[in-house]
C-alpha cells in the first residue's frame, strides 16, 4: 500500500468517525416540518421508533408526520434526541424544539431511579 493510499484511507476513516455517527434534529427553515439527518442504521432505527418517517427518494433524512400537533412533534423530537444521546450517537438538537416534560420522561425511562450522568471533569 502506498503512502498516498494509506493517507486517503485514514482521511476517509476520520470523516466517517466524525460525521457518520452524528444525528441532527432541526426545524426546516420557514416551515413547520421537523427533520432529522442521520447516516447510521442504528440511529435510523431509533428515529423510526419515535415516529420519524423517511420520505420517498430521500436517503438519510427523516421527518415527523405533518398531521401531528406542534406539541407532539416537539415531544417526539426531544425523546428521540435523548435516546440517541444515551445510545452514544452525537446528537445536534435545536433547543427551540425542547419539551421539558418529554425530556424528563425519557431520562426516567432510560436511567430509572439513577441520577443523570454528569460530565467528567
Foldseek 3Di string as FASTA:
>chain_A
DDPVVVVVVVVVVVCCVPPQLEKEWAADPPDLKIKMFHNDPVLVVLLVVLAWAADPPHPRMTIHDPPDDLLSRLLSLLLSQLVSVVVPGHYHYDCVSHDPVSNVVSCCVVVPPDDDDDDDD
